[in-house]
Structure formats: structure tokens, C-alpha cells
C-alpha atoms as a PDB file:
ATOM      1  CA  MET A   1      33.136 183.630 132.164  1.00  0.00           C
ATOM      2  CA  ASP A   2      32.934 179.889 132.070  1.00  0.00           C
ATOM      3  CA  LYS A   3      35.877 177.912 132.932  1.00  0.00           C
ATOM      4  CA  ILE A   4      36.713 175.031 130.652  1.00  0.00           C
ATOM      5  CA  ASP A   5      37.259 171.819 132.406  1.00  0.00           C
ATOM      6  CA  CYS A   6      40.470 170.412 130.997  1.00  0.00           C
ATOM      7  CA  ASN A   7      42.474 167.617 132.325  1.00  0.00           C
ATOM      8  CA  PRO A   8      46.139 168.521 131.340  1.00  0.00           C
ATOM      9  CA  THR A   9      47.146 164.789 132.142  1.00  0.00           C
ATOM     10  CA  GLU A  10      44.552 163.432 129.642  1.00  0.00           C
ATOM     11  CA  MET A  11      45.832 166.022 127.048  1.00  0.00           C
ATOM     12  CA  LYS A  12      49.453 164.841 127.507  1.00  0.00           C
ATOM     13  CA  ILE A  13      48.528 161.023 127.262  1.00  0.00           C
ATOM     14  CA  SER A  14      46.328 161.888 123.986  1.00  0.00           C
ATOM     15  CA  HIS A  15      49.285 163.890 122.433  1.00  0.00           C
ATOM     16  CA  TYR A  16      51.732 160.958 123.273  1.00  0.00           C
ATOM     17  CA  ILE A  17      49.247 158.391 121.809  1.00  0.00           C
ATOM     18  CA  ASP A  18      49.032 160.559 118.604  1.00  0.00           C
ATOM     19  CA  MET A  19      52.838 160.750 118.426  1.00  0.00           C
ATOM     20  CA  LEU A  20      53.103 157.088 118.701  1.00  0.00           C
ATOM     21  CA  LEU A  21      50.836 156.286 116.175  1.00  0.00           C
ATOM     22  CA  GLU A  22      52.221 158.726 113.620  1.00  0.00           C
ATOM     23  CA  SER A  23      55.875 157.847 114.322  1.00  0.00           C
ATOM     24  CA  PRO A  24      57.563 156.279 111.255  1.00  0.00           C
ATOM     25  CA  GLY A  25      59.546 153.982 113.655  1.00  0.00           C
ATOM     26  CA  TRP A  26      56.511 152.514 115.102  1.00  0.00           C
ATOM     27  CA  LYS A  27      54.945 152.153 111.567  1.00  0.00           C
ATOM     28  CA  THR A  28      57.924 150.404 110.390  1.00  0.00           C
ATOM     29  CA  PHE A  29      57.876 148.129 113.672  1.00  0.00           C
ATOM     30  CA  PHE A  30      54.315 147.299 112.748  1.00  0.00           C
ATOM     31  CA  SER A  31      54.846 146.665 109.180  1.00  0.00           C
ATOM     32  CA  VAL A  32      58.164 144.722 109.385  1.00  0.00           C
ATOM     33  CA  ILE A  33      58.836 143.452 112.771  1.00  0.00           C
ATOM     34  CA  ILE A  34      55.649 142.179 113.986  1.00  0.00           C
ATOM     35  CA  PRO A  35      55.252 139.994 110.760  1.00  0.00           C
ATOM     36  CA  ILE A  36      58.626 138.425 111.272  1.00  0.00           C
ATOM     37  CA  ILE A  37      57.944 137.721 115.009  1.00  0.00           C
ATOM     38  CA  THR A  38      54.283 136.293 113.972  1.00  0.00           C
ATOM     39  CA  GLY A  39      56.121 133.924 111.442  1.00  0.00           C
ATOM     40  CA  ILE A  40      58.622 132.821 114.033  1.00  0.00           C
ATOM     41  CA  LEU A  41      55.733 132.138 116.666  1.00  0.00           C
ATOM     42  CA  SER A  42      53.686 130.442 113.915  1.00  0.00           C
ATOM     43  CA  GLY A  43      56.460 127.933 113.343  1.00  0.00           C
ATOM     44  CA  LEU A  44      57.107 127.308 116.991  1.00  0.00           C
ATOM     45  CA  LEU A  45      53.243 126.628 117.507  1.00  0.00           C
ATOM     46  CA  VAL A  46      53.484 124.087 114.942  1.00  0.00           C
ATOM     47  CA  ALA A  47      56.634 122.542 116.253  1.00  0.00           C
ATOM     48  CA  GLU A  48      54.941 122.393 119.825  1.00  0.00           C
ATOM     49  CA  ILE A  49      51.759 120.876 118.838  1.00  0.00           C
ATOM     50  CA  SER A  50      53.209 118.275 116.385  1.00  0.00           C
ATOM     51  CA  SER A  51      53.840 114.953 117.197  1.00  0.00           C
ATOM     52  CA  PRO A  52      54.899 111.947 115.225  1.00  0.00           C
ATOM     53  CA  SER A  53      51.324 110.708 114.988  1.00  0.00           C
ATOM     54  CA  GLY A  54      49.994 114.122 113.768  1.00  0.00           C
ATOM     55  CA  ILE A  55      49.003 117.642 115.048  1.00  0.00           C
ATOM     56  CA  ASN A  56      47.690 117.667 118.663  1.00  0.00           C
ATOM     57  CA  TRP A  57      45.169 120.212 118.873  1.00  0.00           C
ATOM     58  CA  LYS A  58      44.278 119.593 122.442  1.00  0.00           C
ATOM     59  CA  ILE A  59      47.568 120.877 123.765  1.00  0.00           C
ATOM     60  CA  ILE A  60      47.560 124.118 122.021  1.00  0.00           C
ATOM     61  CA  TYR A  61      46.470 126.032 125.166  1.00  0.00           C
ATOM     62  CA  TYR A  62      49.621 124.894 127.025  1.00  0.00           C
ATOM     63  CA  THR A  63      51.970 126.371 124.570  1.00  0.00           C
ATOM     64  CA  LYS A  64      53.727 129.590 124.990  1.00  0.00           C
ATOM     65  CA  SER A  65      53.800 130.789 121.514  1.00  0.00           C
ATOM     66  CA  PHE A  66      49.978 130.411 121.023  1.00  0.00           C
ATOM     67  CA  TYR A  67      49.722 133.129 124.069  1.00  0.00           C
ATOM     68  CA  GLY A  68      52.393 135.342 122.155  1.00  0.00           C
ATOM     69  CA  LEU A  69      50.509 135.088 118.899  1.00  0.00           C
ATOM     70  CA  LEU A  70      47.352 136.186 120.567  1.00  0.00           C
ATOM     71  CA  THR A  71      49.181 139.094 122.383  1.00  0.00           C
ATOM     72  CA  ILE A  72      50.140 140.118 118.991  1.00  0.00           C
ATOM     73  CA  VAL A  73      46.601 140.026 117.984  1.00  0.00           C
ATOM     74  CA  VAL A  74      45.407 142.271 120.667  1.00  0.00           C
ATOM     75  CA  ILE A  75      48.536 144.690 119.969  1.00  0.00           C
ATOM     76  CA  ILE A  76      47.574 145.105 116.550  1.00  0.00           C
ATOM     77  CA  TYR A  77      43.959 145.494 117.035  1.00  0.00           C
ATOM     78  CA  PHE A  78      44.540 148.273 119.601  1.00  0.00           C
ATOM     79  CA  TYR A  79      47.213 149.784 116.964  1.00  0.00           C
ATOM     80  CA  CYS A  80      45.043 149.756 114.220  1.00  0.00           C
ATOM     81  CA  SER A  81      41.905 151.112 116.104  1.00  0.00           C
ATOM     82  CA  GLY A  82      44.324 153.895 117.476  1.00  0.00           C
ATOM     83  CA  SER A  83      45.489 154.988 113.807  1.00  0.00           C
ATOM     84  CA  LYS A  84      41.937 154.998 112.386  1.00  0.00           C
ATOM     85  CA  ARG A  85      41.122 157.525 115.469  1.00  0.00           C
ATOM     86  CA  VAL A  86      44.106 159.553 114.470  1.00  0.00           C
ATOM     87  CA  GLU A  87      43.099 159.775 110.432  1.00  0.00           C
ATOM     88  CA  MET A  88      39.706 161.145 111.423  1.00  0.00           C
END
């Protein structure tokens, strides 16, 4: 008889990821809270790189809101790619 090689830890992690992606709470978070946070961070970014003479694009990499927006992009990317996996 062949022995099936299953890693119970991997199965548990996969189960939790599926639960997370199908959770109504997380769907609400990604459809309501994330856009609000993105709007706030976008406004902060504009305020941080603005000066009386115009927008100073050279200092964008020194602002915290820029990295906050990048973090949100990465989170949304992984959430969307994971939710496509669940739908298949």
C-alpha cells in the first residue's frame, strides 16, 4: 500500500488562507477600509511633497506615506492573487 505524503502543517495553513480569503470581514476590509486608508495616505503624500514653489518629486522616497501606499499595493496584490486561487 502506498503511503500518501501529506504535511499536516501545510494543510492547516492552506485551510486558514482559504478561510481568510472567503471571510466576509476581510472582504469588507478590502472593499471599504483599504480605500479610505489609501485616500488618507494619498492626501498625506501630496502634503509632504508639496512646497510653495510646486511639487518636489525628488523627496517622494523620503516620505512615510509613499511607503505606506506601496505596502497597500503589495497587500492588495497578494489578496487578489489569493482570491483568484480560491475561485479556481
